Amino acid sequence: MYNLKWILPPFLAFLAILTYPLWSGPKGAMPELAKPKGEACVESATWMRANHMQLLDHWREEVVRNQSRVYVNQAGQRFEKSLTKTCLSCHNNKQEFCDRCHNYTSVKPYCFECHVDPKLSEVSHVQ
């Protein structure tokens, strides 16, 4: 008890650092996202919200390394493994869909370092 003034402040600082991710996360409700044009996604919306990056990484590896270009979802439906042709054909407004959610969660994906935003490709074809 004599050393409490020396033990308590570092302990509280450690506790604050340890719990920082829990109390500093995004505030407020999820952003309003643009509705996709298609009827159904390759998987359920809940599953896609949690796993879309892992799915896209897996697709990239499968296409590049194994030339496997067909994805069969949990319902048995077949889709082409392509961000541009499959995902962006329905979610075609990057600013109103991808960017809103990624900005809300403070994520900086690198998808569009290689893939072309559909809206930008339309503009470049007009010129």
Foldseek 3Di string as FASTA:
>chain_A
DVCCVVPVVVVVVVVCVVCVVVPVFFDDDQDDADFWPDDDALDDPVCCVVCVVVLLVVLVCCCVPVVDQWDQGPVRDIDGNDCVPHVCVGVQPCVRHVVSRCVRRVHDDPVCVPDPRVVVVVVVVVD
